[in-house]
Amino acid sequence: EFLIQIFILQNLKKYKETFVPKLVEDVFSRKIVAGNCKIIEHSIQTENCSPIKQVFRQVPLQMREESFNAKLKTQLNKVWYTIYIRVRQRLNVRSQKMKEVYDRKVRSIHFKFRQK
């Protein structure tokens, strides 16, 4: 067995010296520019595709209250902001100091939600 292993190793070295450089040349040829390959072409058509139907997933009970509070807060902020703009226009606040005082008063209002 030892002689067989030595014979195989000697032949492997011989084959490595002759065949490996040729294999490397074939794999890394200089003719092909990286990124340009015209052997296989494909296209993805998305023009007349219908939307994918997915099953409706309910929001977990723990997260429902949080999402409701977040939506409510954004809606209230929008309402208060529109009221703020209207009042500011009606007051016709022209001096910079009065604008700053009014802005501070509006910013001091915080919304608090009751937690169950």
Protein backbone atom coordinates (compact mmCIF):
# COMPACT_ATOMS: atom_id res chain seq x y z
CA GLU A 1 0.00 0.00 0.00
CA PHE A 2 2.82 2.36 0.79
CA LEU A 3 4.30 1.91 -2.69
CA ILE A 4 0.92 2.56 -4.28
CA GLN A 5 0.55 5.82 -2.35
CA ILE A 6 4.02 6.96 -3.44
CA PHE A 7 3.20 6.13 -7.07
CA ILE A 8 -0.07 8.10 -6.91
CA LEU A 9 1.64 11.12 -5.32
CA GLN A 10 4.37 11.16 -7.97
CA ASN A 11 1.81 10.99 -10.76
CA LEU A 12 -0.32 13.67 -9.10
CA LYS A 13 2.60 16.07 -9.08
CA LYS A 14 3.22 15.32 -12.73
CA TYR A 15 -0.43 15.89 -13.68
CA LYS A 16 -0.64 19.04 -11.55
CA GLU A 17 2.26 20.59 -13.43
CA THR A 18 0.72 19.91 -16.83
CA PHE A 19 -3.07 20.12 -16.47
CA VAL A 20 -3.72 22.72 -13.75
CA PRO A 21 -2.30 25.67 -15.74
CA LYS A 22 -4.47 24.69 -18.72
CA LEU A 23 -7.58 24.45 -16.54
CA VAL A 24 -6.88 27.84 -15.01
CA GLU A 25 -6.45 29.35 -18.48
CA ASP A 26 -9.85 28.01 -19.53
CA VAL A 27 -11.61 29.30 -16.43
CA PHE A 28 -9.96 32.72 -16.40
CA SER A 29 -9.75 33.49 -20.10
CA ARG A 30 -8.89 37.02 -21.10
CA LYS A 31 -11.47 37.21 -23.90
CA ILE A 32 -14.50 37.57 -21.61
CA VAL A 33 -15.01 40.96 -19.99
CA ALA A 34 -16.52 40.70 -16.51
CA GLY A 35 -20.24 41.46 -16.51
CA ASN A 36 -20.84 40.90 -20.21
CA CYS A 37 -22.16 37.45 -20.97
CA LYS A 38 -24.31 36.76 -24.02
CA ILE A 39 -24.55 33.01 -23.61
CA ILE A 40 -27.81 33.13 -21.64
CA GLU A 41 -30.30 35.98 -21.88
CA HIS A 42 -33.48 36.34 -19.84
CA SER A 43 -36.17 38.91 -19.26
CA ILE A 44 -38.67 39.51 -16.49
CA GLN A 45 -42.06 40.60 -17.77
CA THR A 46 -44.10 42.62 -15.28
CA GLU A 47 -46.44 44.50 -17.61
CA ASN A 48 -49.66 42.48 -17.34
CA CYS A 49 -49.08 40.78 -14.01
CA SER A 50 -51.86 40.81 -11.46
CA PRO A 51 -51.10 41.58 -7.80
CA ILE A 52 -50.26 38.70 -5.50
CA LYS A 53 -53.12 37.79 -3.19
CA GLN A 54 -52.11 37.33 0.41
CA VAL A 55 -54.06 36.25 3.45
CA PHE A 56 -55.12 39.07 5.79
CA ARG A 57 -53.27 38.84 9.08
CA GLN A 58 -54.81 40.34 12.15
CA VAL A 59 -52.86 42.56 14.49
CA PRO A 60 -52.18 40.82 17.83
CA LEU A 61 -54.36 41.96 20.73
CA GLN A 62 -51.42 43.46 22.59
CA MET A 63 -50.49 45.66 19.65
CA ARG A 64 -54.02 46.81 18.77
CA GLU A 65 -54.18 49.36 21.57
CA GLU A 66 -50.73 50.71 20.73
CA SER A 67 -51.58 51.13 17.06
CA PHE A 68 -54.91 52.77 17.93
CA ASN A 69 -53.18 55.23 20.27
CA ALA A 70 -50.58 56.05 17.63
CA LYS A 71 -53.24 56.70 14.98
CA LEU A 72 -55.27 58.81 17.40
CA LYS A 73 -52.23 60.85 18.35
CA THR A 74 -51.33 61.61 14.73
CA GLN A 75 -54.91 62.62 13.93
CA LEU A 76 -55.11 64.89 16.97
CA ASN A 77 -51.80 66.48 16.10
CA LYS A 78 -53.04 67.18 12.58
CA VAL A 79 -56.26 68.73 13.92
CA TRP A 80 -54.41 70.84 16.48
CA TYR A 81 -51.92 71.98 13.88
CA THR A 82 -54.68 73.17 11.54
CA ILE A 83 -56.37 74.99 14.43
CA TYR A 84 -53.01 76.54 15.32
CA ILE A 85 -52.54 77.82 11.77
CA ARG A 86 -56.07 79.24 11.61
CA VAL A 87 -55.76 81.04 14.95
CA ARG A 88 -52.39 82.40 13.98
CA GLN A 89 -53.81 83.73 10.73
CA ARG A 90 -56.81 85.28 12.49
CA LEU A 91 -54.68 86.96 15.08
CA ASN A 92 -52.54 88.26 12.26
CA VAL A 93 -49.52 88.11 14.48
CA ARG A 94 -46.89 90.26 12.85
CA SER A 95 -44.27 90.89 15.45
CA GLN A 96 -41.68 88.17 15.95
CA LYS A 97 -41.93 88.22 19.75
CA MET A 98 -45.68 87.58 19.72
CA LYS A 99 -45.15 84.68 17.28
CA GLU A 100 -42.57 83.13 19.59
CA VAL A 101 -44.82 83.48 22.65
CA TYR A 102 -47.74 81.93 20.79
CA ASP A 103 -45.54 79.07 19.49
CA ARG A 104 -44.29 78.32 23.01
CA LYS A 105 -47.84 78.13 24.34
CA VAL A 106 -48.88 75.74 21.59
CA ARG A 107 -45.80 73.54 22.09
CA SER A 108 -46.50 73.30 25.81
CA ILE A 109 -49.77 71.45 25.15
CA HIS A 110 -49.19 67.69 25.52
CA PHE A 111 -51.68 64.95 24.80
CA LYS A 112 -52.08 62.27 27.41
CA PHE A 113 -53.95 59.05 26.72
CA ARG A 114 -55.71 57.07 29.37
CA GLN A 115 -54.22 53.62 29.79
CA LYS A 116 -56.64 50.85 30.65
